[in-house]
């Protein structure tokens, strides 16, 4: 499974079960400065490095919504 700039998806039990089931078969691509990555605050990400498998560079300091654009990954 691949996900791009995802929101947080579940509680700690969900994350533990997800990683045990999919582990390295799941890839999470994130971009620094993406506003969606940090919500909702009470849930967890499923990627390996702070919720992300791969980190991309920030696209814009001025317009944080631009950091969430799929055109950055295509």
PDB file of N, CA and C in Angstrom:
ATOM      1  N   UNK A   1       0.837  -1.163   0.000  1.00  0.00           N
ATOM      2  CA  UNK A   1       0.000   0.000   0.000  1.00  0.00           C
ATOM      3  C   UNK A   1       0.890   1.238   0.000  1.00  0.00           C
ATOM      4  N   UNK A   2       0.529   2.218  -0.785  1.00  0.00           N
ATOM      5  CA  UNK A   2       1.210   3.509  -0.796  1.00  0.00           C
ATOM      6  C   UNK A   2       0.203   4.604  -0.477  1.00  0.00           C
ATOM      7  N   UNK A   3       0.596   5.529   0.386  1.00  0.00           N
ATOM      8  CA  UNK A   3      -0.258   6.683   0.656  1.00  0.00           C
ATOM      9  C   UNK A   3       0.608   7.930   0.606  1.00  0.00           C
ATOM     10  N   UNK A   4       0.012   9.015   0.153  1.00  0.00           N
ATOM     11  CA  UNK A   4       0.720  10.272  -0.042  1.00  0.00           C
ATOM     12  C   UNK A   4       0.090  11.364   0.807  1.00  0.00           C
ATOM     13  N   UNK A   5       0.924  12.005   1.632  1.00  0.00           N
ATOM     14  CA  UNK A   5       0.466  13.079   2.517  1.00  0.00           C
ATOM     15  C   UNK A   5      -0.776  12.676   3.311  1.00  0.00           C
ATOM     16  N   UNK A   6      -0.752  11.536   4.009  1.00  0.00           N
ATOM     17  CA  UNK A   6      -1.958  11.072   4.686  1.00  0.00           C
ATOM     18  C   UNK A   6      -2.214  11.782   6.009  1.00  0.00           C
ATOM     19  N   UNK A   7      -3.462  11.783   6.411  1.00  0.00           N
ATOM     20  CA  UNK A   7      -3.808  12.200   7.764  1.00  0.00           C
ATOM     21  C   UNK A   7      -3.538  11.021   8.691  1.00  0.00           C
ATOM     22  N   UNK A   8      -3.564  11.238   9.979  1.00  0.00           N
ATOM     23  CA  UNK A   8      -3.380  10.159  10.945  1.00  0.00           C
ATOM     24  C   UNK A   8      -4.585   9.230  10.891  1.00  0.00           C
ATOM     25  N   UNK A   9      -4.353   7.945  11.138  1.00  0.00           N
ATOM     26  CA  UNK A   9      -5.408   6.981  10.828  1.00  0.00           C
ATOM     27  C   UNK A   9      -5.996   6.207  11.990  1.00  0.00           C
ATOM     28  N   UNK A  10      -5.320   6.052  13.094  1.00  0.00           N
ATOM     29  CA  UNK A  10      -5.889   5.232  14.159  1.00  0.00           C
ATOM     30  C   UNK A  10      -5.163   5.399  15.475  1.00  0.00           C
ATOM     31  N   UNK A  11      -5.658   4.690  16.496  1.00  0.00           N
ATOM     32  CA  UNK A  11      -5.027   4.745  17.805  1.00  0.00           C
ATOM     33  C   UNK A  11      -3.782   3.848  17.831  1.00  0.00           C
ATOM     34  N   UNK A  12      -3.105   3.763  18.994  1.00  0.00           N
ATOM     35  CA  UNK A  12      -1.859   3.010  19.082  1.00  0.00           C
ATOM     36  C   UNK A  12      -2.081   1.522  18.793  1.00  0.00           C
ATOM     37  N   UNK A  13      -3.194   0.941  19.233  1.00  0.00           N
ATOM     38  CA  UNK A  13      -3.481  -0.475  18.959  1.00  0.00           C
ATOM     39  C   UNK A  13      -3.644  -0.717  17.457  1.00  0.00           C
ATOM     40  N   UNK A  14      -4.332   0.191  16.771  1.00  0.00           N
ATOM     41  CA  UNK A  14      -4.486   0.074  15.324  1.00  0.00           C
ATOM     42  C   UNK A  14      -3.121   0.126  14.637  1.00  0.00           C
ATOM     43  N   UNK A  15      -2.286   1.094  15.034  1.00  0.00           N
ATOM     44  CA  UNK A  15      -0.961   1.227  14.439  1.00  0.00           C
ATOM     45  C   UNK A  15      -0.135  -0.037  14.660  1.00  0.00           C
ATOM     46  N   UNK A  16      -0.151  -0.591  15.854  1.00  0.00           N
ATOM     47  CA  UNK A  16       0.602  -1.804  16.164  1.00  0.00           C
ATOM     48  C   UNK A  16       0.155  -2.973  15.296  1.00  0.00           C
ATOM     49  N   UNK A  17      -1.148  -3.179  15.189  1.00  0.00           N
ATOM     50  CA  UNK A  17      -1.683  -4.265  14.358  1.00  0.00           C
ATOM     51  C   UNK A  17      -1.391  -4.039  12.879  1.00  0.00           C
ATOM     52  N   UNK A  18      -1.511  -2.814  12.435  1.00  0.00           N
ATOM     53  CA  UNK A  18      -1.246  -2.482  11.036  1.00  0.00           C
ATOM     54  C   UNK A  18       0.202  -2.786  10.681  1.00  0.00           C
ATOM     55  N   UNK A  19       1.132  -2.314  11.513  1.00  0.00           N
ATOM     56  CA  UNK A  19       2.552  -2.534  11.240  1.00  0.00           C
ATOM     57  C   UNK A  19       2.906  -4.020  11.313  1.00  0.00           C
ATOM     58  N   UNK A  20       2.266  -4.771  12.197  1.00  0.00           N
ATOM     59  CA  UNK A  20       2.518  -6.212  12.292  1.00  0.00           C
ATOM     60  C   UNK A  20       2.011  -6.932  11.048  1.00  0.00           C
ATOM     61  N   UNK A  21       0.912  -6.455  10.481  1.00  0.00           N
ATOM     62  CA  UNK A  21       0.319  -7.101   9.308  1.00  0.00           C
ATOM     63  C   UNK A  21       1.009  -6.685   8.013  1.00  0.00           C
ATOM     64  N   UNK A  22       1.166  -5.380   7.788  1.00  0.00           N
ATOM     65  CA  UNK A  22       1.732  -4.895   6.529  1.00  0.00           C
ATOM     66  C   UNK A  22       3.212  -4.551   6.618  1.00  0.00           C
ATOM     67  N   UNK A  23       3.643  -4.025   7.757  1.00  0.00           N
ATOM     68  CA  UNK A  23       5.055  -3.699   7.955  1.00  0.00           C
ATOM     69  C   UNK A  23       5.674  -2.939   6.805  1.00  0.00           C
ATOM     70  N   UNK A  24       6.727  -3.513   6.198  1.00  0.00           N
ATOM     71  CA  UNK A  24       7.460  -2.822   5.136  1.00  0.00           C
ATOM     72  C   UNK A  24       6.727  -2.829   3.799  1.00  0.00           C
ATOM     73  N   UNK A  25       5.621  -3.536   3.695  1.00  0.00           N
ATOM     74  CA  UNK A  25       4.842  -3.510   2.446  1.00  0.00           C
ATOM     75  C   UNK A  25       4.018  -2.235   2.329  1.00  0.00           C
ATOM     76  N   UNK A  26       4.012  -1.423   3.367  1.00  0.00           N
ATOM     77  CA  UNK A  26       3.288  -0.160   3.371  1.00  0.00           C
ATOM     78  C   UNK A  26       4.286   0.985   3.254  1.00  0.00           C
ATOM     79  N   UNK A  27       4.074   1.872   2.293  1.00  0.00           N
ATOM     80  CA  UNK A  27       4.937   3.035   2.082  1.00  0.00           C
ATOM     81  C   UNK A  27       4.115   4.301   2.290  1.00  0.00           C
ATOM     82  N   UNK A  28       4.642   5.215   3.091  1.00  0.00           N
ATOM     83  CA  UNK A  28       3.968   6.473   3.367  1.00  0.00           C
ATOM     84  C   UNK A  28       4.892   7.608   2.928  1.00  0.00           C
ATOM     85  N   UNK A  29       4.414   8.423   1.990  1.00  0.00           N
ATOM     86  CA  UNK A  29       5.190   9.525   1.444  1.00  0.00           C
ATOM     87  C   UNK A  29       4.657  10.838   2.029  1.00  0.00           C
ATOM     88  N   UNK A  30       5.523  11.600   2.673  1.00  0.00           N
ATOM     89  CA  UNK A  30       5.110  12.852   3.310  1.00  0.00           C
ATOM     90  C   UNK A  30       5.978  13.995   2.815  1.00  0.00           C
ATOM     91  N   UNK A  31       5.457  15.180   2.952  1.00  0.00           N
ATOM     92  CA  UNK A  31       6.190  16.376   2.561  1.00  0.00           C
ATOM     93  C   UNK A  31       6.246  17.306   3.765  1.00  0.00           C
ATOM     94  N   UNK A  32       7.443  17.807   4.082  1.00  0.00           N
ATOM     95  CA  UNK A  32       7.586  18.762   5.181  1.00  0.00           C
ATOM     96  C   UNK A  32       6.673  19.959   4.926  1.00  0.00           C
ATOM     97  N   UNK A  33       5.956  20.381   5.954  1.00  0.00           N
ATOM     98  CA  UNK A  33       5.069  21.526   5.835  1.00  0.00           C
ATOM     99  C   UNK A  33       3.661  21.188   5.386  1.00  0.00           C
ATOM    100  N   UNK A  34       3.359  19.902   5.177  1.00  0.00           N
ATOM    101  CA  UNK A  34       2.014  19.502   4.755  1.00  0.00           C
ATOM    102  C   UNK A  34       1.052  19.651   5.932  1.00  0.00           C
ATOM    103  N   UNK A  35      -0.011  20.446   5.801  1.00  0.00           N
ATOM    104  CA  UNK A  35      -0.923  20.675   6.931  1.00  0.00           C
ATOM    105  C   UNK A  35      -1.768  19.454   7.298  1.00  0.00           C
ATOM    106  N   UNK A  36      -2.027  18.559   6.374  1.00  0.00           N
ATOM    107  CA  UNK A  36      -2.887  17.403   6.646  1.00  0.00           C
ATOM    108  C   UNK A  36      -2.161  16.365   7.486  1.00  0.00           C
ATOM    109  N   UNK A  37      -0.854  16.286   7.362  1.00  0.00           N
ATOM    110  CA  UNK A  37      -0.070  15.263   8.044  1.00  0.00           C
ATOM    111  C   UNK A  37      -0.281  15.268   9.562  1.00  0.00           C
ATOM    112  N   UNK A  38      -0.521  16.406  10.161  1.00  0.00           N
ATOM    113  CA  UNK A  38      -0.626  16.512  11.610  1.00  0.00           C
ATOM    114  C   UNK A  38      -2.005  16.350  12.208  1.00  0.00           C
ATOM    115  N   UNK A  39      -3.020  16.028  11.430  1.00  0.00           N
ATOM    116  CA  UNK A  39      -4.383  15.930  11.960  1.00  0.00           C
ATOM    117  C   UNK A  39      -4.941  14.528  11.778  1.00  0.00           C
ATOM    118  N   UNK A  40      -5.894  14.107  12.563  1.00  0.00           N
ATOM    119  CA  UNK A  40      -6.271  14.657  13.865  1.00  0.00           C
ATOM    120  C   UNK A  40      -5.222  14.346  14.924  1.00  0.00           C
ATOM    121  N   UNK A  41      -5.075  15.229  15.878  1.00  0.00           N
ATOM    122  CA  UNK A  41      -3.974  15.177  16.847  1.00  0.00           C
ATOM    123  C   UNK A  41      -3.992  13.946  17.750  1.00  0.00           C
ATOM    124  N   UNK A  42      -5.133  13.373  18.045  1.00  0.00           N
ATOM    125  CA  UNK A  42      -5.210  12.259  18.991  1.00  0.00           C
ATOM    126  C   UNK A  42      -4.868  10.904  18.369  1.00  0.00           C
ATOM    127  N   UNK A  43      -4.648  10.845  17.055  1.00  0.00           N
ATOM    128  CA  UNK A  43      -4.386   9.570  16.387  1.00  0.00           C
ATOM    129  C   UNK A  43      -2.920   9.446  15.979  1.00  0.00           C
ATOM    130  N   UNK A  44      -2.556   8.282  15.413  1.00  0.00           N
ATOM    131  CA  UNK A  44      -1.175   7.985  15.045  1.00  0.00           C
ATOM    132  C   UNK A  44      -1.039   7.715  13.555  1.00  0.00           C
ATOM    133  N   UNK A  45       0.185   7.915  13.046  1.00  0.00           N
ATOM    134  CA  UNK A  45       0.536   7.542  11.684  1.00  0.00           C
ATOM    135  C   UNK A  45       1.008   6.096  11.676  1.00  0.00           C
ATOM    136  N   UNK A  46       1.047   5.474  10.500  1.00  0.00           N
ATOM    137  CA  UNK A  46       1.484   4.085  10.407  1.00  0.00           C
ATOM    138  C   UNK A  46       2.854   3.908   9.772  1.00  0.00           C
ATOM    139  N   UNK A  47       3.479   4.941   9.268  1.00  0.00           N
ATOM    140  CA  UNK A  47       4.788   4.803   8.646  1.00  0.00           C
ATOM    141  C   UNK A  47       5.906   4.585   9.660  1.00  0.00           C
ATOM    142  N   UNK A  48       7.110   4.351   9.171  1.00  0.00           N
ATOM    143  CA  UNK A  48       8.213   3.986  10.047  1.00  0.00           C
ATOM    144  C   UNK A  48       8.930   5.175  10.696  1.00  0.00           C
ATOM    145  N   UNK A  49       9.154   6.263   9.987  1.00  0.00           N
ATOM    146  CA  UNK A  49       9.914   7.399  10.495  1.00  0.00           C
ATOM    147  C   UNK A  49       8.975   8.545  10.842  1.00  0.00           C
ATOM    148  N   UNK A  50       8.594   8.642  12.100  1.00  0.00           N
ATOM    149  CA  UNK A  50       7.638   9.666  12.544  1.00  0.00           C
ATOM    150  C   UNK A  50       6.378   9.625  11.699  1.00  0.00           C
ATOM    151  N   UNK A  51       5.977   8.448  11.282  1.00  0.00           N
ATOM    152  CA  UNK A  51       4.771   8.294  10.489  1.00  0.00           C
ATOM    153  C   UNK A  51       4.991   8.266   8.996  1.00  0.00           C
ATOM    154  N   UNK A  52       6.229   8.463   8.537  1.00  0.00           N
ATOM    155  CA  UNK A  52       6.484   8.507   7.106  1.00  0.00           C
ATOM    156  C   UNK A  52       7.662   7.619   6.725  1.00  0.00           C
ATOM    157  N   UNK A  53       7.531   6.959   5.604  1.00  0.00           N
ATOM    158  CA  UNK A  53       8.618   6.153   5.078  1.00  0.00           C
ATOM    159  C   UNK A  53       9.583   7.031   4.297  1.00  0.00           C
ATOM    160  N   UNK A  54       9.049   7.969   3.528  1.00  0.00           N
ATOM    161  CA  UNK A  54       9.855   8.884   2.712  1.00  0.00           C
ATOM    162  C   UNK A  54       9.420  10.317   2.977  1.00  0.00           C
ATOM    163  N   UNK A  55      10.388  11.197   3.153  1.00  0.00           N
ATOM    164  CA  UNK A  55      10.111  12.615   3.363  1.00  0.00           C
ATOM    165  C   UNK A  55      10.518  13.412   2.135  1.00  0.00           C
ATOM    166  N   UNK A  56       9.622  14.271   1.657  1.00  0.00           N
ATOM    167  CA  UNK A  56       9.922  15.162   0.547  1.00  0.00           C
ATOM    168  C   UNK A  56      10.187  16.564   1.052  1.00  0.00           C
ATOM    169  N   UNK A  57      10.837  17.371   0.248  1.00  0.00           N
ATOM    170  CA  UNK A  57      11.147  18.749   0.624  1.00  0.00           C
ATOM    171  C   UNK A  57       9.885  19.605   0.669  1.00  0.00           C
ATOM    172  N   UNK A  58       9.940  20.634   1.469  1.00  0.00           N
ATOM    173  CA  UNK A  58       8.834  21.587   1.558  1.00  0.00           C
ATOM    174  C   UNK A  58       8.696  22.312   0.228  1.00  0.00           C
ATOM    175  N   UNK A  59       7.472  22.451  -0.254  1.00  0.00           N
ATOM    176  CA  UNK A  59       7.231  23.128  -1.531  1.00  0.00           C
ATOM    177  C   UNK A  59       7.089  24.630  -1.356  1.00  0.00           C
ATOM    178  N   UNK A  60       6.466  25.048  -0.253  1.00  0.00           N
ATOM    179  CA  UNK A  60       6.211  26.474  -0.076  1.00  0.00           C
ATOM    180  C   UNK A  60       6.186  26.826   1.404  1.00  0.00           C
ATOM    181  N   UNK A  61       6.872  27.904   1.766  1.00  0.00           N
ATOM    182  CA  UNK A  61       6.790  28.429   3.135  1.00  0.00           C
ATOM    183  C   UNK A  61       5.580  29.347   3.281  1.00  0.00           C
ATOM    184  N   UNK A  62       5.184  29.970   2.205  1.00  0.00           N
ATOM    185  CA  UNK A  62       4.117  30.967   2.237  1.00  0.00           C
ATOM    186  C   UNK A  62       2.742  30.311   2.175  1.00  0.00           C
ATOM    187  N   UNK A  63       2.591  29.299   1.341  1.00  0.00           N
ATOM    188  CA  UNK A  63       1.303  28.650   1.130  1.00  0.00           C
ATOM    189  C   UNK A  63       1.382  27.188   1.574  1.00  0.00           C
ATOM    190  N   UNK A  64       1.034  26.869   2.835  1.00  0.00           N
ATOM    191  CA  UNK A  64       1.154  25.492   3.319  1.00  0.00           C
ATOM    192  C   UNK A  64       0.272  24.496   2.561  1.00  0.00           C
ATOM    193  N   UNK A  65      -0.822  24.951   1.972  1.00  0.00           N
ATOM    194  CA  UNK A  65      -1.687  24.049   1.205  1.00  0.00           C
ATOM    195  C   UNK A  65      -0.947  23.514  -0.018  1.00  0.00           C
ATOM    196  N   UNK A  66      -0.026  24.286  -0.564  1.00  0.00           N
ATOM    197  CA  UNK A  66       0.761  23.829  -1.715  1.00  0.00           C
ATOM    198  C   UNK A  66       1.603  22.610  -1.374  1.00  0.00           C
ATOM    199  N   UNK A  67       1.956  22.434  -0.101  1.00  0.00           N
ATOM    200  CA  UNK A  67       2.745  21.282   0.327  1.00  0.00           C
ATOM    201  C   UNK A  67       1.958  19.977   0.263  1.00  0.00           C
ATOM    202  N   UNK A  68       0.649  20.064   0.108  1.00  0.00           N
ATOM    203  CA  UNK A  68      -0.200  18.878   0.065  1.00  0.00           C
ATOM    204  C   UNK A  68      -0.578  18.475  -1.365  1.00  0.00           C
ATOM    205  N   UNK A  69      -0.096  19.180  -2.342  1.00  0.00           N
ATOM    206  CA  UNK A  69      -0.481  18.928  -3.729  1.00  0.00           C
ATOM    207  C   UNK A  69       0.084  17.606  -4.250  1.00  0.00           C
ATOM    208  N   UNK A  70      -0.749  16.808  -4.893  1.00  0.00           N
ATOM    209  CA  UNK A  70      -0.298  15.551  -5.492  1.00  0.00           C
ATOM    210  C   UNK A  70       0.612  15.790  -6.682  1.00  0.00           C
ATOM    211  N   UNK A  71       0.562  16.959  -7.295  1.00  0.00           N
ATOM    212  CA  UNK A  71       1.445  17.232  -8.442  1.00  0.00           C
ATOM    213  C   UNK A  71       2.914  17.208  -8.030  1.00  0.00           C
ATOM    214  N   UNK A  72       3.198  17.364  -6.751  1.00  0.00           N
ATOM    215  CA  UNK A  72       4.577  17.310  -6.268  1.00  0.00           C
ATOM    216  C   UNK A  72       5.147  15.898  -6.347  1.00  0.00           C
ATOM    217  N   UNK A  73       4.275  14.899  -6.326  1.00  0.00           N
ATOM    218  CA  UNK A  73       4.718  13.498  -6.341  1.00  0.00           C
ATOM    219  C   UNK A  73       4.671  12.886  -7.734  1.00  0.00           C
ATOM    220  N   UNK A  74       3.961  13.512  -8.651  1.00  0.00           N
ATOM    221  CA  UNK A  74       3.807  12.923  -9.998  1.00  0.00           C
ATOM    222  C   UNK A  74       4.905  13.336 -10.943  1.00  0.00           C
TER     223      UNK A  74
END
